[in-house]
Amino acid sequence: MAHGVRVYGFDAETYAANRDWLARQRSMADCFRYQHAEIGTLAHLPDVDAVIHLAAETHVDNSILDAGTFVQTNVLGTQHLLELVRRKRQYQMPVMLHVSTDEVYGSVPTGTTPETAPLAPSSPYAASKAAADHLVMAYGHTYGVPWRIVRPSNCYGARQYPEKLIPKAIRHLKLGKPIPIHEGGAAVRCWLQVQDCAEAILTVLDQGANGEVYNIGGNTECSVRDVATSVVQAFHGPTESPARYLDFGFTRLGLDQRYHVDDSKLRALGWVPTGNLTQDVPALVEAERRVFRW
C-alpha cells in the first residue's frame, strides 16, 4: 500500500490475528479492500496482477501437536488457491508469489544452502511448506501458472505474535517467569527483520523472474540462547548471570540445529537487508514491555 498499489486482503482471522491493527488499516487506506475468508474455501479472486500467498499455519510446536491442521491449510489451501489462479483466463492469470520458508531445506551443519539444494524438511510444518512449494511448481509446469517462490529466514519485528521467541521471551520476563528454551538454546538461526522480508518480497515481485526460487537471508546469525540472553540484558540491564532468567528444561521433537540460506541470487536484484538483530532487540523490548498483547 505504501507503494501506491491497490491491495485486496484475505485472512482467516485465526488465533494469531490482530483485529485492532486490521481495523485501523481498513479505516485509513483507500487502496485496501478486505474480506474475511479461509484459504481452503475462498470462492474467487479479483482481477489482479499478482497473488502474494502468505496464508499458512506457521508455528513448529503446533505442527508437532496437530499436523493435520498444517496439511489442511498449507497444502490443501495452497492447492485451492492455485486452482483459483489457473481458472483465470490465460491473459488474466496473475503471478503466484508463494512465501515459503528456509526450513524446507532441513538442518545444514556448515555453510549455506542454495535454492538448488534438495528439500529435506524435518517438522510437519516444514514438510507442509515443502509440499506447497512442489504444488506451485507443478501447477506451473502442468497448467502454465506463472510462479515465483521466496524462502525467508526467521523473521522478527514489531507486532509479532508472542508464540515466537522474542515477544514470548519479553512476555515471560514481564510476568516474572523464566524464558522457556529448547535443547539448551544451541540451535542457530539467521534472523531477518520483518521490514527486510517485506522489501524482499516486493523486490521479487517487481524484478524477479517467473519459475524461480529466491532465498531471503537475514544478516544476523545467532543461537536461540544468545537471542534470549540479549532480550534479558535489554529488559533488566547488564547482569552477570542472564542464564538465571532462562529455563532449559524444554525439548522439541526433531529440532533442526542450524539454518543458513545463500541469498546471493536475491541480492543480485538489488536487495540488501538493513536490520541487525543485536541492535534491534532493545527497541523491541522497550515497545513490547509497554503493552500486553493478545
Protein backbone atom coordinates (compact mmCIF):
# COMPACT_ATOMS: atom_id res chain seq x y z
CA MET A 1 0.00 0.00 0.00
CA ALA A 2 2.91 2.35 0.72
CA HIS A 3 3.95 1.82 -2.90
CA GLY A 4 0.55 3.09 -4.09
CA VAL A 5 -0.69 -0.33 -5.17
CA ARG A 6 -4.29 -1.41 -4.66
CA VAL A 7 -4.34 -4.37 -2.30
CA TYR A 8 -7.06 -6.95 -1.76
CA GLY A 9 -6.56 -8.71 1.57
CA PHE A 10 -7.99 -12.06 2.62
CA ASP A 11 -7.43 -13.54 6.07
CA ALA A 12 -8.92 -16.35 8.15
CA GLU A 13 -8.57 -14.31 11.39
CA THR A 14 -7.22 -17.27 13.35
CA TYR A 15 -5.93 -17.13 16.95
CA ALA A 16 -2.91 -15.07 15.85
CA ALA A 17 -4.90 -12.33 14.10
CA ASN A 18 -4.55 -8.73 15.29
CA ARG A 19 -8.02 -7.41 14.58
CA ASP A 20 -7.30 -3.95 16.02
CA TRP A 21 -4.49 -3.46 13.50
CA LEU A 22 -6.73 -4.73 10.72
CA ALA A 23 -9.49 -2.30 11.68
CA ARG A 24 -7.05 0.62 11.54
CA GLN A 25 -5.83 -0.38 8.08
CA ARG A 26 -9.37 -0.72 6.77
CA SER A 27 -10.30 2.73 8.04
CA MET A 28 -7.15 4.53 6.87
CA ALA A 29 -6.24 3.08 3.48
CA ASP A 30 -8.30 3.90 0.40
CA CYS A 31 -6.32 1.36 -1.64
CA PHE A 32 -7.09 -1.57 0.70
CA ARG A 33 -10.08 -3.88 0.31
CA TYR A 34 -10.51 -6.71 2.79
CA GLN A 35 -12.53 -9.90 3.12
CA HIS A 36 -12.61 -12.40 5.97
CA ALA A 37 -12.09 -15.75 4.24
CA GLU A 38 -10.48 -19.17 4.63
CA ILE A 39 -7.86 -20.08 2.06
CA GLY A 40 -9.43 -23.52 1.54
CA THR A 41 -12.91 -22.17 0.76
CA LEU A 42 -12.18 -18.81 -0.86
CA ALA A 43 -14.78 -18.51 -3.62
CA HIS A 44 -12.99 -16.29 -6.13
CA LEU A 45 -10.05 -13.99 -6.79
CA PRO A 46 -10.45 -10.41 -8.02
CA ASP A 47 -8.72 -9.50 -11.26
CA VAL A 48 -5.20 -8.74 -10.05
CA ASP A 49 -1.65 -8.75 -11.42
CA ALA A 50 -0.22 -10.91 -8.66
CA VAL A 51 -1.19 -13.06 -5.68
CA ILE A 52 1.18 -12.88 -2.71
CA HIS A 53 0.45 -16.11 -0.86
CA LEU A 54 1.30 -15.66 2.84
CA ALA A 55 -1.58 -17.69 4.29
CA ALA A 56 -0.23 -20.50 6.46
CA GLU A 57 -0.06 -22.15 9.83
CA THR A 58 3.50 -21.36 10.92
CA HIS A 59 4.44 -22.46 14.44
CA VAL A 60 6.55 -25.63 14.52
CA ASP A 61 5.42 -26.66 18.01
CA ASN A 62 1.79 -26.50 16.88
CA SER A 63 2.58 -28.69 13.86
CA ILE A 64 4.05 -31.33 16.14
CA LEU A 65 0.86 -31.37 18.20
CA ASP A 66 -1.57 -31.20 15.25
CA ALA A 67 -0.02 -31.93 11.88
CA GLY A 68 -3.41 -32.31 10.20
CA THR A 69 -4.25 -28.62 10.51
CA PHE A 70 -0.97 -27.74 8.79
CA VAL A 71 -1.66 -30.13 5.93
CA GLN A 72 -5.18 -28.74 5.57
CA THR A 73 -4.12 -25.09 5.43
CA ASN A 74 -0.63 -25.16 3.97
CA VAL A 75 -1.03 -27.97 1.43
CA LEU A 76 -4.72 -28.20 0.51
CA GLY A 77 -5.20 -24.47 0.96
CA THR A 78 -2.35 -23.77 -1.45
CA GLN A 79 -3.81 -26.21 -3.97
CA HIS A 80 -7.20 -24.47 -3.75
CA LEU A 81 -5.58 -21.07 -4.28
CA LEU A 82 -3.68 -22.41 -7.29
CA GLU A 83 -6.97 -23.61 -8.75
CA LEU A 84 -8.42 -20.11 -8.42
CA VAL A 85 -5.38 -18.68 -10.17
CA ARG A 86 -5.42 -21.14 -13.07
CA ARG A 87 -9.15 -20.66 -13.68
CA LYS A 88 -8.47 -17.09 -14.75
CA ARG A 89 -8.33 -16.65 -18.49
CA GLN A 90 -4.78 -17.12 -19.73
CA TYR A 91 -4.17 -13.44 -20.42
CA GLN A 92 -5.54 -12.53 -16.96
CA MET A 93 -3.71 -15.21 -14.98
CA PRO A 94 -1.86 -13.47 -12.12
CA VAL A 95 1.66 -14.27 -10.97
CA MET A 96 1.60 -16.58 -7.95
CA LEU A 97 4.26 -15.40 -5.47
CA HIS A 98 4.43 -18.12 -2.85
CA VAL A 99 6.05 -17.35 0.51
CA SER A 100 7.77 -20.50 1.75
CA THR A 101 10.47 -20.92 4.44
CA ASP A 102 14.15 -21.76 4.82
CA GLU A 103 13.03 -24.75 6.93
CA VAL A 104 12.18 -26.76 3.80
CA TYR A 105 15.92 -27.44 3.37
CA GLY A 106 16.30 -29.02 6.79
CA SER A 107 19.32 -28.59 9.01
CA VAL A 108 22.63 -27.51 7.46
CA PRO A 109 25.62 -28.14 9.77
CA THR A 110 28.00 -25.79 7.95
CA GLY A 111 28.00 -23.41 5.02
CA THR A 112 24.94 -22.07 3.23
CA THR A 113 22.04 -23.61 1.34
CA PRO A 114 21.40 -22.52 -2.29
CA GLU A 115 17.99 -22.59 -3.96
CA THR A 116 19.07 -25.70 -5.90
CA ALA A 117 19.56 -27.79 -2.74
CA PRO A 118 17.21 -30.76 -2.32
CA LEU A 119 14.35 -30.28 0.12
CA ALA A 120 14.70 -32.22 3.37
CA PRO A 121 12.04 -30.92 5.79
CA SER A 122 12.20 -32.17 9.37
CA SER A 123 8.96 -30.98 11.02
CA PRO A 124 5.35 -31.37 9.89
CA TYR A 125 5.32 -27.59 9.37
CA ALA A 126 8.38 -27.66 7.10
CA ALA A 127 7.00 -30.70 5.25
CA SER A 128 3.69 -28.93 4.60
CA LYS A 129 5.54 -25.90 3.18
CA ALA A 130 7.76 -28.11 1.02
CA ALA A 131 4.66 -29.86 -0.32
CA ALA A 132 3.16 -26.46 -1.12
CA ASP A 133 6.36 -25.48 -2.97
CA HIS A 134 6.10 -28.62 -5.10
CA LEU A 135 2.43 -27.92 -5.85
CA VAL A 136 3.25 -24.39 -7.02
CA MET A 137 5.97 -25.71 -9.32
CA ALA A 138 3.71 -28.50 -10.60
CA TYR A 139 0.88 -26.08 -11.44
CA GLY A 140 3.41 -24.00 -13.34
CA HIS A 141 4.62 -26.99 -15.33
CA THR A 142 1.19 -28.54 -15.96
CA TYR A 143 -1.18 -25.60 -16.24
CA GLY A 144 1.12 -22.72 -17.09
CA VAL A 145 0.57 -20.83 -13.83
CA PRO A 146 3.31 -18.17 -13.59
CA TRP A 147 5.02 -18.51 -10.23
CA ARG A 148 7.84 -17.26 -8.04
CA ILE A 149 8.84 -18.66 -4.63
CA VAL A 150 10.64 -16.91 -1.77
CA ARG A 151 12.12 -18.75 1.22
CA PRO A 152 12.65 -16.34 4.14
CA SER A 153 14.78 -16.93 7.22
CA ASN A 154 13.47 -16.49 10.79
CA CYS A 155 11.57 -13.20 10.94
CA TYR A 156 11.41 -10.83 13.90
CA GLY A 157 9.90 -7.40 14.40
CA ALA A 158 7.04 -5.30 15.71
CA ARG A 159 3.62 -6.86 16.41
CA GLN A 160 4.86 -10.45 16.12
CA TYR A 161 2.56 -12.95 17.79
CA PRO A 162 4.03 -13.91 21.20
CA GLU A 163 4.38 -17.62 20.50
CA LYS A 164 7.57 -16.65 18.63
CA LEU A 165 10.86 -16.39 20.51
CA ILE A 166 11.47 -12.65 21.06
CA PRO A 167 7.95 -11.49 22.03
CA LYS A 168 7.50 -14.70 24.02
CA ALA A 169 10.71 -14.00 25.94
CA ILE A 170 9.63 -10.44 26.72
CA ARG A 171 6.20 -11.60 27.84
CA HIS A 172 7.69 -14.18 30.23
CA LEU A 173 10.04 -11.59 31.74
CA LYS A 174 7.10 -9.22 32.26
CA LEU A 175 5.31 -11.99 34.15
CA GLY A 176 8.40 -12.72 36.24
CA LYS A 177 8.81 -16.15 34.65
CA PRO A 178 11.93 -17.71 33.11
CA ILE A 179 12.09 -17.88 29.32
CA PRO A 180 11.46 -21.45 28.03
CA ILE A 181 14.34 -22.60 25.82
CA HIS A 182 14.55 -25.80 23.75
CA GLU A 183 17.54 -28.13 23.99
CA GLY A 184 19.88 -25.70 25.71
CA GLY A 185 19.30 -22.98 23.12
CA ALA A 186 22.11 -24.22 20.89
CA ALA A 187 20.05 -24.12 17.68
CA VAL A 188 21.34 -21.45 15.29
CA ARG A 189 19.17 -19.36 13.01
CA CYS A 190 19.60 -16.41 10.64
CA TRP A 191 17.39 -13.56 11.85
CA LEU A 192 15.52 -11.45 9.31
CA GLN A 193 13.87 -8.15 10.20
CA VAL A 194 10.26 -8.18 9.00
CA GLN A 195 10.67 -4.93 7.05
CA ASP A 196 13.58 -6.52 5.18
CA CYS A 197 11.39 -9.54 4.44
CA ALA A 198 8.62 -7.34 3.06
CA GLU A 199 11.08 -5.47 0.85
CA ALA A 200 12.49 -8.79 -0.38
CA ILE A 201 9.01 -9.97 -1.39
CA LEU A 202 8.37 -6.72 -3.26
CA THR A 203 11.79 -6.95 -4.92
CA VAL A 204 10.99 -10.43 -6.23
CA LEU A 205 7.53 -9.26 -7.31
CA ASP A 206 8.94 -6.28 -9.20
CA GLN A 207 12.21 -7.67 -10.53
CA GLY A 208 12.21 -11.44 -10.11
CA ALA A 209 11.69 -13.96 -12.88
CA ASN A 210 8.85 -16.43 -13.23
CA GLY A 211 9.74 -20.03 -12.45
CA GLU A 212 12.49 -19.04 -9.98
CA VAL A 213 13.10 -19.54 -6.26
CA TYR A 214 14.75 -16.83 -4.13
CA ASN A 215 16.19 -17.34 -0.65
CA ILE A 216 15.85 -14.46 1.82
CA GLY A 217 18.68 -14.48 4.35
CA GLY A 218 18.93 -12.43 7.50
CA ASN A 219 22.08 -10.55 8.31
CA THR A 220 22.49 -11.85 11.86
CA GLU A 221 23.37 -15.49 12.55
CA CYS A 222 22.74 -16.18 16.22
CA SER A 223 21.83 -19.06 18.54
CA VAL A 224 18.49 -19.14 20.33
CA ARG A 225 20.31 -18.88 23.65
CA ASP A 226 22.17 -15.74 22.56
CA VAL A 227 18.95 -14.12 21.33
CA ALA A 228 17.21 -14.85 24.64
CA THR A 229 20.23 -13.52 26.52
CA SER A 230 20.15 -10.27 24.56
CA VAL A 231 16.46 -9.90 25.45
CA VAL A 232 17.25 -10.42 29.14
CA GLN A 233 20.01 -7.83 29.05
CA ALA A 234 17.78 -5.31 27.27
CA PHE A 235 14.97 -5.95 29.76
CA HIS A 236 16.93 -5.98 33.03
CA GLY A 237 20.05 -4.09 32.02
CA PRO A 238 23.57 -5.53 32.33
CA THR A 239 23.53 -8.62 34.52
CA GLU A 240 26.25 -11.05 35.45
CA SER A 241 24.00 -14.10 35.21
CA PRO A 242 21.40 -13.80 32.43
CA ALA A 243 21.11 -17.62 32.42
CA ARG A 244 19.07 -17.47 35.64
CA TYR A 245 16.25 -15.98 33.58
CA LEU A 246 16.33 -18.92 31.13
CA ASP A 247 14.67 -22.32 31.58
CA PHE A 248 16.43 -25.01 29.56
CA GLY A 249 14.08 -27.83 30.59
CA PHE A 250 12.21 -27.96 27.29
CA THR A 251 12.53 -30.25 24.28
CA ARG A 252 11.28 -30.07 20.72
CA LEU A 253 10.94 -33.26 18.71
CA GLY A 254 13.09 -33.27 15.59
CA LEU A 255 14.74 -29.92 16.33
CA ASP A 256 16.93 -28.67 13.45
CA GLN A 257 20.27 -27.38 14.67
CA ARG A 258 21.06 -24.77 12.04
CA TYR A 259 19.58 -22.95 9.04
CA HIS A 260 21.57 -20.62 6.79
CA VAL A 261 20.50 -19.87 3.23
CA ASP A 262 22.54 -18.41 0.38
CA ASP A 263 20.67 -15.29 -0.73
CA SER A 264 23.15 -14.06 -3.37
CA LYS A 265 20.51 -14.58 -6.08
CA LEU A 266 18.17 -12.13 -4.37
CA ARG A 267 20.94 -9.64 -3.62
CA ALA A 268 21.77 -9.60 -7.32
CA LEU A 269 18.36 -7.95 -7.81
CA GLY A 270 19.50 -5.09 -5.55
CA TRP A 271 18.01 -6.20 -2.22
CA VAL A 272 20.13 -5.64 0.88
CA PRO A 273 18.86 -6.22 4.44
CA THR A 274 19.18 -3.28 6.80
CA GLY A 275 18.10 -4.89 10.07
CA ASN A 276 20.53 -6.05 12.73
CA LEU A 277 19.12 -8.27 15.46
CA THR A 278 21.60 -7.21 18.14
CA GLN A 279 20.91 -3.54 17.53
CA ASP A 280 17.14 -4.01 17.09
CA VAL A 281 16.39 -6.01 20.27
CA PRO A 282 16.48 -3.07 22.76
CA ALA A 283 13.85 -1.13 20.81
CA LEU A 284 11.66 -4.24 20.50
CA VAL A 285 11.91 -4.86 24.25
CA GLU A 286 11.05 -1.24 25.01
CA ALA A 287 7.99 -1.34 22.73
CA GLU A 288 6.75 -4.73 23.95
CA ARG A 289 7.12 -4.08 27.67
CA ARG A 290 4.63 -1.20 27.43
CA VAL A 291 1.79 -3.46 26.24
CA PHE A 292 0.41 -6.90 26.94
CA ARG A 293 -0.85 -8.08 23.58
CA TRP A 294 -3.38 -10.83 22.97
